N, C-alpha and C. Protein backbone atom coordinates (compact mmCIF):
# COMPACT_ATOMS: atom_id res chain seq x y z
N UNK A 1 -30.70 -2.67 17.17
CA UNK A 1 -29.72 -1.65 16.81
C UNK A 1 -28.36 -2.09 17.36
N UNK A 2 -27.35 -2.06 16.49
CA UNK A 2 -26.01 -2.43 16.92
C UNK A 2 -25.39 -1.32 17.75
N UNK A 3 -24.67 -1.74 18.74
CA UNK A 3 -23.93 -0.76 19.55
C UNK A 3 -22.67 -0.34 18.78
N UNK A 4 -22.40 0.95 18.79
CA UNK A 4 -21.26 1.51 18.06
C UNK A 4 -19.95 0.87 18.50
N UNK A 5 -19.74 0.70 19.80
CA UNK A 5 -18.47 0.16 20.29
C UNK A 5 -18.27 -1.29 19.86
N UNK A 6 -19.34 -2.08 19.80
CA UNK A 6 -19.20 -3.48 19.35
C UNK A 6 -18.79 -3.50 17.87
N UNK A 7 -19.46 -2.70 17.05
CA UNK A 7 -19.11 -2.65 15.63
C UNK A 7 -17.67 -2.18 15.46
N UNK A 8 -17.28 -1.16 16.21
CA UNK A 8 -15.90 -0.66 16.14
C UNK A 8 -14.92 -1.74 16.58
N UNK A 9 -15.25 -2.50 17.61
CA UNK A 9 -14.38 -3.56 18.08
C UNK A 9 -14.25 -4.67 17.03
N UNK A 10 -15.35 -5.05 16.41
CA UNK A 10 -15.30 -6.06 15.36
C UNK A 10 -14.47 -5.57 14.17
N UNK A 11 -14.63 -4.31 13.82
CA UNK A 11 -13.82 -3.73 12.75
C UNK A 11 -12.34 -3.77 13.13
N UNK A 12 -12.02 -3.41 14.35
CA UNK A 12 -10.62 -3.43 14.80
C UNK A 12 -10.01 -4.81 14.74
N UNK A 13 -10.74 -5.81 15.21
CA UNK A 13 -10.23 -7.19 15.17
C UNK A 13 -10.04 -7.65 13.73
N UNK A 14 -11.00 -7.33 12.87
CA UNK A 14 -10.90 -7.70 11.46
C UNK A 14 -9.72 -7.00 10.80
N UNK A 15 -9.60 -5.69 11.05
CA UNK A 15 -8.52 -4.91 10.44
C UNK A 15 -7.16 -5.45 10.83
N UNK A 16 -6.97 -5.75 12.11
CA UNK A 16 -5.68 -6.27 12.56
C UNK A 16 -5.37 -7.64 11.95
N UNK A 17 -6.37 -8.52 11.92
CA UNK A 17 -6.14 -9.86 11.37
C UNK A 17 -5.83 -9.79 9.88
N UNK A 18 -6.60 -8.99 9.15
CA UNK A 18 -6.39 -8.87 7.71
C UNK A 18 -5.05 -8.19 7.42
N UNK A 19 -4.75 -7.10 8.13
CA UNK A 19 -3.50 -6.39 7.90
C UNK A 19 -2.30 -7.27 8.23
N UNK A 20 -2.38 -7.99 9.33
CA UNK A 20 -1.28 -8.87 9.70
C UNK A 20 -1.00 -9.91 8.64
N UNK A 21 -2.08 -10.52 8.16
CA UNK A 21 -1.92 -11.55 7.14
C UNK A 21 -1.37 -10.96 5.84
N UNK A 22 -1.92 -9.84 5.40
CA UNK A 22 -1.49 -9.23 4.14
C UNK A 22 -0.05 -8.74 4.23
N UNK A 23 0.32 -8.10 5.34
CA UNK A 23 1.68 -7.58 5.48
C UNK A 23 2.71 -8.70 5.57
N UNK A 24 2.40 -9.73 6.32
CA UNK A 24 3.32 -10.86 6.45
C UNK A 24 3.54 -11.53 5.10
N UNK A 25 2.44 -11.75 4.37
CA UNK A 25 2.56 -12.40 3.06
C UNK A 25 3.29 -11.51 2.06
N UNK A 26 3.01 -10.21 2.08
CA UNK A 26 3.65 -9.28 1.14
C UNK A 26 5.15 -9.19 1.40
N UNK A 27 5.52 -9.03 2.66
CA UNK A 27 6.94 -8.94 2.99
C UNK A 27 7.66 -10.24 2.66
N UNK A 28 7.03 -11.35 2.94
CA UNK A 28 7.62 -12.65 2.64
C UNK A 28 7.83 -12.86 1.15
N UNK A 29 6.89 -12.38 0.35
CA UNK A 29 6.99 -12.55 -1.10
C UNK A 29 8.19 -11.79 -1.67
N UNK A 30 8.52 -10.68 -1.03
CA UNK A 30 9.65 -9.87 -1.52
C UNK A 30 10.94 -10.19 -0.79
N UNK A 31 10.85 -10.89 0.33
CA UNK A 31 12.04 -11.15 1.13
C UNK A 31 12.57 -9.89 1.78
N UNK A 32 11.65 -8.96 2.11
CA UNK A 32 12.03 -7.67 2.69
C UNK A 32 11.17 -7.40 3.92
N UNK A 33 11.36 -6.24 4.50
CA UNK A 33 10.47 -5.75 5.55
C UNK A 33 9.16 -5.32 4.90
N UNK A 34 8.17 -5.04 5.72
CA UNK A 34 6.89 -4.54 5.20
C UNK A 34 7.09 -3.20 4.49
N UNK A 35 7.94 -2.33 5.04
CA UNK A 35 8.17 -1.05 4.37
C UNK A 35 8.94 -1.26 3.06
N UNK A 36 9.82 -2.23 3.01
CA UNK A 36 10.52 -2.55 1.77
C UNK A 36 9.56 -3.06 0.71
N UNK A 37 8.61 -3.91 1.12
CA UNK A 37 7.59 -4.39 0.18
C UNK A 37 6.76 -3.22 -0.33
N UNK A 38 6.38 -2.32 0.56
CA UNK A 38 5.60 -1.15 0.17
C UNK A 38 6.40 -0.27 -0.80
N UNK A 39 7.68 -0.12 -0.55
CA UNK A 39 8.53 0.68 -1.44
C UNK A 39 8.56 0.09 -2.84
N UNK A 40 8.62 -1.21 -2.94
CA UNK A 40 8.62 -1.85 -4.26
C UNK A 40 7.33 -1.56 -5.00
N UNK A 41 6.21 -1.63 -4.29
CA UNK A 41 4.91 -1.36 -4.91
C UNK A 41 4.81 0.10 -5.32
N UNK A 42 5.25 0.99 -4.44
CA UNK A 42 5.20 2.43 -4.76
C UNK A 42 6.05 2.72 -5.99
N UNK A 43 7.25 2.20 -6.05
CA UNK A 43 8.13 2.45 -7.20
C UNK A 43 7.56 1.84 -8.47
N UNK A 44 6.89 0.69 -8.36
CA UNK A 44 6.33 0.08 -9.57
C UNK A 44 5.18 0.92 -10.11
N UNK A 45 4.47 1.63 -9.23
CA UNK A 45 3.34 2.47 -9.67
C UNK A 45 3.79 3.86 -10.12
N UNK A 46 4.86 4.38 -9.51
CA UNK A 46 5.22 5.78 -9.75
C UNK A 46 6.46 5.97 -10.60
N UNK A 47 7.31 4.98 -10.67
CA UNK A 47 8.60 5.16 -11.31
C UNK A 47 9.60 5.70 -10.30
N UNK A 48 10.78 6.10 -10.76
CA UNK A 48 11.84 6.51 -9.84
C UNK A 48 11.42 7.67 -8.93
N UNK A 49 11.87 7.60 -7.68
CA UNK A 49 11.62 8.64 -6.69
C UNK A 49 12.88 8.87 -5.90
N UNK A 50 13.02 10.07 -5.35
CA UNK A 50 14.11 10.34 -4.42
C UNK A 50 13.88 9.58 -3.12
N UNK A 51 14.94 9.34 -2.40
CA UNK A 51 14.86 8.58 -1.15
C UNK A 51 13.90 9.24 -0.16
N UNK A 52 13.98 10.54 -0.01
CA UNK A 52 13.11 11.24 0.95
C UNK A 52 11.65 11.10 0.56
N UNK A 53 11.33 11.27 -0.72
CA UNK A 53 9.95 11.14 -1.19
C UNK A 53 9.46 9.71 -1.05
N UNK A 54 10.30 8.75 -1.38
CA UNK A 54 9.93 7.34 -1.21
C UNK A 54 9.64 7.06 0.26
N UNK A 55 10.49 7.55 1.13
CA UNK A 55 10.26 7.37 2.56
C UNK A 55 8.94 7.97 3.01
N UNK A 56 8.64 9.17 2.52
CA UNK A 56 7.37 9.81 2.88
C UNK A 56 6.19 8.94 2.46
N UNK A 57 6.29 8.37 1.27
CA UNK A 57 5.17 7.58 0.75
C UNK A 57 4.99 6.25 1.47
N UNK A 58 6.03 5.75 2.10
CA UNK A 58 5.87 4.50 2.86
C UNK A 58 5.87 4.73 4.37
N UNK A 59 5.92 5.99 4.78
CA UNK A 59 5.80 6.30 6.20
C UNK A 59 7.08 6.20 6.99
N UNK A 60 8.21 6.49 6.36
CA UNK A 60 9.51 6.42 7.03
C UNK A 60 10.18 7.78 7.06
N UNK A 61 11.00 8.00 8.08
CA UNK A 61 11.83 9.19 8.11
C UNK A 61 12.91 9.06 7.04
N UNK A 62 13.58 10.15 6.74
CA UNK A 62 14.62 10.11 5.72
C UNK A 62 15.75 9.14 6.09
N UNK A 63 16.25 9.15 7.34
CA UNK A 63 17.31 8.19 7.67
C UNK A 63 16.84 6.73 7.57
N UNK A 64 15.61 6.47 8.01
CA UNK A 64 15.08 5.10 7.91
C UNK A 64 14.89 4.71 6.45
N UNK A 65 14.44 5.66 5.63
CA UNK A 65 14.26 5.39 4.20
C UNK A 65 15.60 5.09 3.54
N UNK A 66 16.64 5.82 3.92
CA UNK A 66 17.97 5.57 3.36
C UNK A 66 18.45 4.17 3.71
N UNK A 67 18.21 3.75 4.95
CA UNK A 67 18.60 2.38 5.35
C UNK A 67 17.80 1.34 4.57
N UNK A 68 16.50 1.60 4.38
CA UNK A 68 15.66 0.67 3.62
C UNK A 68 16.17 0.57 2.18
N UNK A 69 16.49 1.71 1.56
CA UNK A 69 17.00 1.71 0.19
C UNK A 69 18.34 0.98 0.12
N UNK A 70 19.20 1.16 1.12
CA UNK A 70 20.46 0.42 1.17
C UNK A 70 20.20 -1.08 1.15
N UNK A 71 19.23 -1.52 1.95
CA UNK A 71 18.89 -2.94 2.02
C UNK A 71 18.32 -3.45 0.71
N UNK A 72 17.42 -2.67 0.10
CA UNK A 72 16.84 -3.07 -1.18
C UNK A 72 17.89 -3.09 -2.28
N UNK A 73 18.84 -2.16 -2.22
CA UNK A 73 19.94 -2.12 -3.19
C UNK A 73 20.82 -3.35 -3.03
N UNK A 74 21.16 -3.68 -1.78
CA UNK A 74 21.99 -4.85 -1.52
C UNK A 74 21.31 -6.14 -1.99
N UNK A 75 19.99 -6.15 -1.98
CA UNK A 75 19.24 -7.33 -2.43
C UNK A 75 19.04 -7.34 -3.95
N UNK A 76 19.50 -6.28 -4.63
CA UNK A 76 19.37 -6.22 -6.07
C UNK A 76 17.98 -5.85 -6.57
N UNK A 77 17.15 -5.27 -5.69
CA UNK A 77 15.77 -4.95 -6.06
C UNK A 77 15.60 -3.52 -6.56
N UNK A 78 16.48 -2.62 -6.12
CA UNK A 78 16.45 -1.23 -6.58
C UNK A 78 17.87 -0.79 -6.89
N UNK A 79 17.96 0.31 -7.63
CA UNK A 79 19.27 0.91 -7.88
C UNK A 79 19.13 2.42 -7.80
N UNK A 80 20.18 3.03 -7.33
CA UNK A 80 20.21 4.49 -7.26
C UNK A 80 20.71 5.03 -8.59
N UNK A 81 20.06 6.09 -9.04
CA UNK A 81 20.48 6.75 -10.27
C UNK A 81 21.44 7.87 -9.95
N UNK A 82 21.87 8.61 -10.97
CA UNK A 82 22.76 9.75 -10.74
C UNK A 82 22.02 10.87 -10.01
N UNK A 83 22.76 11.56 -9.17
CA UNK A 83 22.20 12.67 -8.39
C UNK A 83 21.58 13.69 -9.32
N UNK A 84 20.37 14.12 -8.98
CA UNK A 84 19.67 15.17 -9.74
C UNK A 84 19.32 16.27 -8.75
N UNK A 85 20.02 17.39 -8.84
CA UNK A 85 19.89 18.49 -7.86
C UNK A 85 20.26 17.94 -6.49
N UNK A 86 19.34 17.98 -5.54
CA UNK A 86 19.64 17.49 -4.19
C UNK A 86 19.09 16.10 -3.94
N UNK A 87 18.61 15.44 -4.98
CA UNK A 87 17.96 14.15 -4.82
C UNK A 87 18.67 13.07 -5.60
N UNK A 88 18.65 11.87 -5.07
CA UNK A 88 19.18 10.70 -5.76
C UNK A 88 17.99 9.80 -6.07
N UNK A 89 17.63 9.67 -7.35
CA UNK A 89 16.46 8.84 -7.67
C UNK A 89 16.74 7.36 -7.44
N UNK A 90 15.70 6.68 -7.00
CA UNK A 90 15.75 5.24 -6.77
C UNK A 90 14.76 4.61 -7.73
N UNK A 91 15.19 3.56 -8.43
CA UNK A 91 14.33 2.88 -9.40
C UNK A 91 14.41 1.38 -9.19
N UNK A 92 13.37 0.70 -9.60
CA UNK A 92 13.36 -0.76 -9.53
C UNK A 92 14.29 -1.36 -10.58
N UNK A 93 14.92 -2.44 -10.22
CA UNK A 93 15.63 -3.26 -11.19
C UNK A 93 14.60 -4.24 -11.77
N UNK A 94 15.02 -5.05 -12.72
CA UNK A 94 14.12 -6.08 -13.26
C UNK A 94 13.69 -7.03 -12.15
N UNK A 95 14.61 -7.38 -11.27
CA UNK A 95 14.27 -8.24 -10.13
C UNK A 95 13.29 -7.54 -9.20
N UNK A 96 13.45 -6.23 -9.05
CA UNK A 96 12.53 -5.45 -8.22
C UNK A 96 11.13 -5.41 -8.81
N UNK A 97 11.04 -5.29 -10.13
CA UNK A 97 9.73 -5.31 -10.80
C UNK A 97 9.04 -6.65 -10.55
N UNK A 98 9.78 -7.74 -10.68
CA UNK A 98 9.20 -9.07 -10.44
C UNK A 98 8.78 -9.20 -8.98
N UNK A 99 9.60 -8.69 -8.07
CA UNK A 99 9.27 -8.75 -6.64
C UNK A 99 8.02 -7.93 -6.33
N UNK A 100 7.87 -6.77 -6.96
CA UNK A 100 6.68 -5.94 -6.74
C UNK A 100 5.43 -6.70 -7.18
N UNK A 101 5.52 -7.41 -8.29
CA UNK A 101 4.39 -8.23 -8.73
C UNK A 101 4.06 -9.32 -7.74
N UNK A 102 5.09 -9.95 -7.18
CA UNK A 102 4.86 -10.99 -6.16
C UNK A 102 4.23 -10.39 -4.91
N UNK A 103 4.67 -9.18 -4.54
CA UNK A 103 4.11 -8.51 -3.36
C UNK A 103 2.61 -8.27 -3.56
N UNK A 104 2.25 -7.73 -4.70
CA UNK A 104 0.83 -7.45 -4.95
C UNK A 104 0.00 -8.72 -4.94
N UNK A 105 0.51 -9.79 -5.53
CA UNK A 105 -0.21 -11.06 -5.52
C UNK A 105 -0.30 -11.62 -4.11
N UNK A 106 0.79 -11.57 -3.37
CA UNK A 106 0.80 -12.11 -2.01
C UNK A 106 -0.09 -11.31 -1.08
N UNK A 107 -0.22 -10.02 -1.32
CA UNK A 107 -1.12 -9.17 -0.53
C UNK A 107 -2.56 -9.41 -0.96
N UNK A 108 -2.78 -9.49 -2.26
CA UNK A 108 -4.15 -9.60 -2.78
C UNK A 108 -4.80 -10.95 -2.56
N UNK A 109 -4.04 -12.02 -2.66
CA UNK A 109 -4.63 -13.35 -2.54
C UNK A 109 -5.31 -13.60 -1.19
N UNK A 110 -4.66 -13.30 -0.06
CA UNK A 110 -5.36 -13.54 1.22
C UNK A 110 -6.55 -12.60 1.41
N UNK A 111 -6.48 -11.39 0.86
CA UNK A 111 -7.60 -10.48 0.97
C UNK A 111 -8.78 -11.00 0.15
N UNK A 112 -8.51 -11.49 -1.06
CA UNK A 112 -9.57 -12.08 -1.89
C UNK A 112 -10.17 -13.29 -1.20
N UNK A 113 -9.33 -14.08 -0.54
CA UNK A 113 -9.81 -15.25 0.19
C UNK A 113 -10.77 -14.85 1.31
N UNK A 114 -10.46 -13.77 2.00
CA UNK A 114 -11.31 -13.32 3.10
C UNK A 114 -12.68 -12.88 2.58
N UNK A 115 -12.71 -12.09 1.51
CA UNK A 115 -13.99 -11.59 1.02
C UNK A 115 -14.74 -12.60 0.16
N UNK A 116 -14.09 -13.70 -0.21
CA UNK A 116 -14.75 -14.73 -1.02
C UNK A 116 -15.92 -15.38 -0.28
N UNK A 117 -15.94 -15.28 1.03
CA UNK A 117 -17.03 -15.84 1.82
C UNK A 117 -18.34 -15.07 1.59
N UNK A 118 -18.23 -13.86 1.06
CA UNK A 118 -19.39 -13.01 0.80
C UNK A 118 -19.93 -13.26 -0.62
N UNK A 119 -21.26 -13.16 -0.78
CA UNK A 119 -21.80 -13.28 -2.13
C UNK A 119 -21.64 -11.94 -2.85
N UNK A 120 -22.01 -11.90 -4.12
CA UNK A 120 -21.78 -10.70 -4.93
C UNK A 120 -22.47 -9.47 -4.35
N UNK A 121 -23.68 -9.61 -3.88
CA UNK A 121 -24.41 -8.49 -3.29
C UNK A 121 -23.75 -7.99 -2.02
N UNK A 122 -23.30 -8.92 -1.18
CA UNK A 122 -22.61 -8.53 0.06
C UNK A 122 -21.29 -7.82 -0.25
N UNK A 123 -20.59 -8.31 -1.28
CA UNK A 123 -19.34 -7.64 -1.66
C UNK A 123 -19.61 -6.23 -2.16
N UNK A 124 -20.71 -6.02 -2.88
CA UNK A 124 -21.05 -4.67 -3.35
C UNK A 124 -21.34 -3.75 -2.17
N UNK A 125 -22.06 -4.26 -1.17
CA UNK A 125 -22.34 -3.45 0.03
C UNK A 125 -21.04 -3.15 0.77
N UNK A 126 -20.19 -4.18 0.94
CA UNK A 126 -18.92 -3.98 1.63
C UNK A 126 -18.05 -2.98 0.86
N UNK A 127 -18.02 -3.06 -0.45
CA UNK A 127 -17.25 -2.13 -1.27
C UNK A 127 -17.69 -0.70 -0.99
N UNK A 128 -18.99 -0.46 -0.97
CA UNK A 128 -19.51 0.89 -0.70
C UNK A 128 -19.15 1.34 0.71
N UNK A 129 -19.28 0.45 1.68
CA UNK A 129 -18.96 0.79 3.07
C UNK A 129 -17.47 1.08 3.24
N UNK A 130 -16.63 0.27 2.62
CA UNK A 130 -15.18 0.50 2.71
C UNK A 130 -14.81 1.82 2.06
N UNK A 131 -15.44 2.14 0.96
CA UNK A 131 -15.20 3.44 0.32
C UNK A 131 -15.54 4.59 1.26
N UNK A 132 -16.64 4.46 1.95
CA UNK A 132 -17.05 5.49 2.91
C UNK A 132 -16.05 5.59 4.07
N UNK A 133 -15.61 4.44 4.57
CA UNK A 133 -14.64 4.44 5.67
C UNK A 133 -13.29 5.01 5.22
N UNK A 134 -12.85 4.64 4.03
CA UNK A 134 -11.57 5.16 3.52
C UNK A 134 -11.63 6.67 3.31
N UNK A 135 -12.76 7.16 2.83
CA UNK A 135 -12.93 8.61 2.68
C UNK A 135 -12.81 9.30 4.03
N UNK A 136 -13.43 8.72 5.05
CA UNK A 136 -13.33 9.28 6.40
C UNK A 136 -11.89 9.21 6.92
N UNK A 137 -11.22 8.10 6.69
CA UNK A 137 -9.84 7.95 7.15
C UNK A 137 -8.91 8.95 6.45
N UNK A 138 -9.21 9.27 5.20
CA UNK A 138 -8.38 10.24 4.50
C UNK A 138 -8.37 11.58 5.23
N UNK A 139 -9.48 11.95 5.85
CA UNK A 139 -9.50 13.24 6.57
C UNK A 139 -8.52 13.24 7.73
N UNK A 140 -8.22 12.08 8.29
CA UNK A 140 -7.23 11.99 9.37
C UNK A 140 -5.80 11.91 8.83
N UNK A 141 -5.61 11.06 7.83
CA UNK A 141 -4.26 10.81 7.30
C UNK A 141 -3.84 11.94 6.35
N UNK A 142 -4.72 12.33 5.45
CA UNK A 142 -4.45 13.43 4.54
C UNK A 142 -3.40 13.16 3.48
N UNK A 143 -3.14 11.89 3.19
CA UNK A 143 -2.09 11.57 2.22
C UNK A 143 -2.44 10.26 1.52
N UNK A 144 -2.92 10.38 0.29
CA UNK A 144 -3.33 9.19 -0.47
C UNK A 144 -2.13 8.27 -0.74
N UNK A 145 -0.96 8.85 -0.99
CA UNK A 145 0.22 8.01 -1.25
C UNK A 145 0.52 7.11 -0.06
N UNK A 146 0.44 7.66 1.12
CA UNK A 146 0.72 6.88 2.33
C UNK A 146 -0.37 5.84 2.56
N UNK A 147 -1.63 6.23 2.43
CA UNK A 147 -2.72 5.28 2.65
C UNK A 147 -2.68 4.13 1.66
N UNK A 148 -2.28 4.41 0.44
CA UNK A 148 -2.34 3.41 -0.63
C UNK A 148 -0.97 2.80 -0.96
N UNK A 149 -0.06 2.81 -0.01
CA UNK A 149 1.30 2.39 -0.29
C UNK A 149 1.42 0.92 -0.68
N UNK A 150 0.46 0.09 -0.33
CA UNK A 150 0.48 -1.31 -0.74
C UNK A 150 -0.71 -1.66 -1.62
N UNK A 151 -1.36 -0.66 -2.18
CA UNK A 151 -2.55 -0.90 -3.00
C UNK A 151 -2.19 -1.40 -4.38
N UNK A 152 -3.06 -2.24 -4.90
CA UNK A 152 -3.00 -2.64 -6.29
C UNK A 152 -3.82 -1.58 -7.03
N UNK A 153 -3.14 -0.52 -7.43
CA UNK A 153 -3.84 0.65 -7.99
C UNK A 153 -4.61 0.32 -9.25
N UNK A 154 -4.08 -0.53 -10.08
CA UNK A 154 -4.79 -0.89 -11.32
C UNK A 154 -6.11 -1.57 -10.99
N UNK A 155 -6.10 -2.43 -10.00
CA UNK A 155 -7.31 -3.13 -9.57
C UNK A 155 -8.32 -2.16 -8.98
N UNK A 156 -7.86 -1.20 -8.22
CA UNK A 156 -8.72 -0.27 -7.51
C UNK A 156 -9.51 0.63 -8.46
N UNK A 157 -8.93 1.00 -9.57
CA UNK A 157 -9.59 1.95 -10.47
C UNK A 157 -10.20 1.29 -11.70
N UNK A 158 -10.18 -0.04 -11.73
CA UNK A 158 -10.79 -0.75 -12.85
C UNK A 158 -12.31 -0.65 -12.73
N UNK A 159 -12.94 0.08 -13.63
CA UNK A 159 -14.39 0.27 -13.63
C UNK A 159 -14.91 0.95 -12.36
N UNK A 160 -14.07 1.71 -11.68
CA UNK A 160 -14.48 2.38 -10.44
C UNK A 160 -13.57 3.57 -10.19
N UNK A 161 -13.94 4.37 -9.22
CA UNK A 161 -13.13 5.50 -8.79
C UNK A 161 -12.56 5.15 -7.43
N UNK A 162 -11.27 5.34 -7.27
CA UNK A 162 -10.63 5.08 -5.98
C UNK A 162 -11.17 6.08 -4.96
N UNK A 163 -11.73 5.60 -3.85
CA UNK A 163 -12.29 6.54 -2.86
C UNK A 163 -11.23 7.41 -2.20
N UNK A 164 -10.02 6.90 -2.04
CA UNK A 164 -8.96 7.69 -1.43
C UNK A 164 -8.50 8.78 -2.39
N UNK A 165 -8.30 8.41 -3.65
CA UNK A 165 -7.93 9.40 -4.65
C UNK A 165 -9.00 10.47 -4.81
N UNK A 166 -10.26 10.06 -4.77
CA UNK A 166 -11.36 11.02 -4.88
C UNK A 166 -11.36 11.96 -3.67
N UNK A 167 -11.15 11.41 -2.48
CA UNK A 167 -11.10 12.24 -1.28
C UNK A 167 -9.96 13.26 -1.37
N UNK A 168 -8.81 12.83 -1.92
CA UNK A 168 -7.69 13.75 -2.06
C UNK A 168 -7.99 14.85 -3.07
N UNK A 169 -8.62 14.49 -4.18
CA UNK A 169 -8.98 15.50 -5.18
C UNK A 169 -9.98 16.50 -4.61
N UNK A 170 -10.91 16.04 -3.80
CA UNK A 170 -11.91 16.93 -3.22
C UNK A 170 -11.33 17.81 -2.11
N UNK A 171 -10.21 17.40 -1.53
CA UNK A 171 -9.61 18.15 -0.42
C UNK A 171 -8.88 19.40 -0.90
N UNK A 172 -8.54 19.47 -2.20
CA UNK A 172 -7.81 20.64 -2.71
C UNK A 172 -8.72 21.72 -3.20
């Protein structure tokens, strides 16, 4: 029988190594910070968002989100639209769309490389276990947008149900 703390420790080491690699590669692909890379992915999946909402989805305060949007605007990756009520929508430029694609590839490639060591059956077991863990994590985080800020959403729901999205639907 495996000891719970050893399994938790192995999970922690794996999570940090995988997250570090994926975040570094994603940010590098976009030439931005990790939150900037996440913002590009969020905007590519959702379309234009106000600065405050974009910040919420990537885990930033409103002032930090405004600074991030300023940086992305200066890099030509996003543009601010005309004020709508109290919000200024932010949308990807064509360069931002291309950068979002690079971010998803740069994030996905090292993750695919890590799980490639597993055979098809092991990947199916890991998929089920990760779904269970993500469902549990949703109860702590309570925000699918935040949890999935760097997700390749199209990949996640291809022939499957996203466990985070399902957890959010069941929470209401």
